[in-house]
Amino acid sequence: MKHRTEKKTEWQSIGGSFEIPDGWCVTKVNFDVGEPYVIITEAKTMSDEKRLLIPKSLAYYLSTHFCGSNVMRELIQEHTRHEMRQSIKEILGL
């Protein structure tokens, strides 16, 4: 499986502002796209959604430290499966 992200080291120095209004909650994030974003949902009705762009420096940090990056999550899962296979082979003497 080919893991893809548009994250670049240059993002570390790209600033911006980010504010989640009161009464809204985060329901999804994606830091692997060229314009990282968060989806927020109005908490009372859970029906209204808004997409907010996240400063690239914040997206870079969070995705590098395993927060909100689907690519990183998939890589960790793939690594875990590989380690489990290796352990089973060692136990069985294969």
Protein backbone atom coordinates (compact mmCIF):
# COMPACT_ATOMS: atom_id res chain seq x y z
CA MET A 1 0.00 0.00 0.00
CA LYS A 2 1.42 3.36 -1.02
CA HIS A 3 1.07 6.01 1.68
CA ARG A 4 0.87 9.57 0.44
CA THR A 5 1.00 12.92 2.13
CA GLU A 6 1.54 16.40 0.79
CA LYS A 7 3.25 17.52 4.01
CA LYS A 8 6.61 19.24 3.48
CA THR A 9 9.28 20.32 5.95
CA GLU A 10 8.77 23.91 4.75
CA TRP A 11 5.38 23.83 6.49
CA GLN A 12 7.19 24.23 9.83
CA SER A 13 7.59 27.94 9.20
CA ILE A 14 4.21 28.74 7.61
CA GLY A 15 2.01 30.45 10.16
CA GLY A 16 -1.62 31.40 10.31
CA SER A 17 -4.47 31.59 12.76
CA PHE A 18 -6.96 28.98 13.87
CA GLU A 19 -10.03 29.36 16.03
CA ILE A 20 -12.85 26.98 16.85
CA PRO A 21 -15.95 28.89 17.96
CA ASP A 22 -17.66 28.02 21.24
CA GLY A 23 -20.46 25.54 20.74
CA TRP A 24 -18.68 23.67 17.95
CA CYS A 25 -16.74 20.41 18.18
CA VAL A 26 -14.08 18.82 15.97
CA THR A 27 -15.38 15.81 14.06
CA LYS A 28 -12.58 15.21 11.53
CA VAL A 29 -9.10 16.41 10.61
CA ASN A 30 -6.86 15.81 7.60
CA PHE A 31 -3.24 16.92 7.75
CA ASP A 32 -2.10 14.91 4.70
CA VAL A 33 -3.53 17.23 2.04
CA GLY A 34 -2.00 20.36 0.52
CA GLU A 35 -4.39 22.56 2.48
CA PRO A 36 -4.78 20.84 5.89
CA TYR A 37 -8.20 21.23 7.41
CA VAL A 38 -10.52 20.42 10.28
CA ILE A 39 -14.24 19.73 10.06
CA ILE A 40 -16.22 21.20 12.95
CA THR A 41 -19.85 20.48 13.78
CA GLU A 42 -22.32 22.61 15.71
CA ALA A 43 -22.67 20.81 19.04
CA LYS A 44 -26.38 21.38 19.75
CA THR A 45 -27.83 19.98 16.54
CA MET A 46 -24.79 18.06 15.22
CA SER A 47 -26.07 18.99 11.77
CA ASP A 48 -24.20 22.13 10.69
CA GLU A 49 -20.64 21.50 9.51
CA LYS A 50 -17.83 23.89 8.64
CA ARG A 51 -14.43 23.24 7.14
CA LEU A 52 -11.61 25.35 8.59
CA LEU A 53 -8.08 25.51 7.26
CA ILE A 54 -5.36 24.74 9.80
CA PRO A 55 -2.04 26.61 9.83
CA LYS A 56 0.51 24.42 8.08
CA SER A 57 2.98 24.70 10.96
CA LEU A 58 0.40 23.19 13.34
CA ALA A 59 -0.58 20.48 10.83
CA TYR A 60 3.10 19.61 10.33
CA TYR A 61 3.74 19.27 14.04
CA LEU A 62 0.62 17.24 14.80
CA SER A 63 1.01 14.86 11.86
CA THR A 64 4.72 14.35 12.56
CA HIS A 65 3.86 13.44 16.13
CA PHE A 66 1.16 10.92 15.09
CA CYS A 67 -1.83 13.20 15.70
CA GLY A 68 -4.49 13.34 13.01
CA SER A 69 -2.46 11.89 10.18
CA ASN A 70 -4.21 9.05 8.41
CA VAL A 71 -0.98 8.22 6.59
CA MET A 72 0.93 7.98 9.88
CA ARG A 73 -1.83 5.84 11.42
CA GLU A 74 -1.74 3.48 8.44
CA LEU A 75 2.05 3.24 8.61
CA ILE A 76 1.89 2.40 12.32
CA GLN A 77 -0.74 -0.27 11.66
CA GLU A 78 1.29 -1.73 8.80
CA HIS A 79 4.42 -1.80 10.96
CA THR A 80 2.49 -3.50 13.77
CA ARG A 81 1.20 -6.20 11.41
CA HIS A 82 4.73 -6.80 10.14
CA GLU A 83 6.11 -7.09 13.67
CA MET A 84 3.35 -9.54 14.62
CA ARG A 85 4.09 -11.71 11.56
CA GLN A 86 7.77 -11.73 12.43
CA SER A 87 7.04 -12.70 16.05
CA ILE A 88 4.75 -15.55 14.97
CA LYS A 89 7.39 -16.85 12.54
CA GLU A 90 10.02 -16.78 15.30
CA ILE A 91 7.73 -18.60 17.72
CA LEU A 92 6.93 -21.28 15.13
CA GLY A 93 10.58 -21.55 14.10
CA LEU A 94 9.90 -20.67 10.48
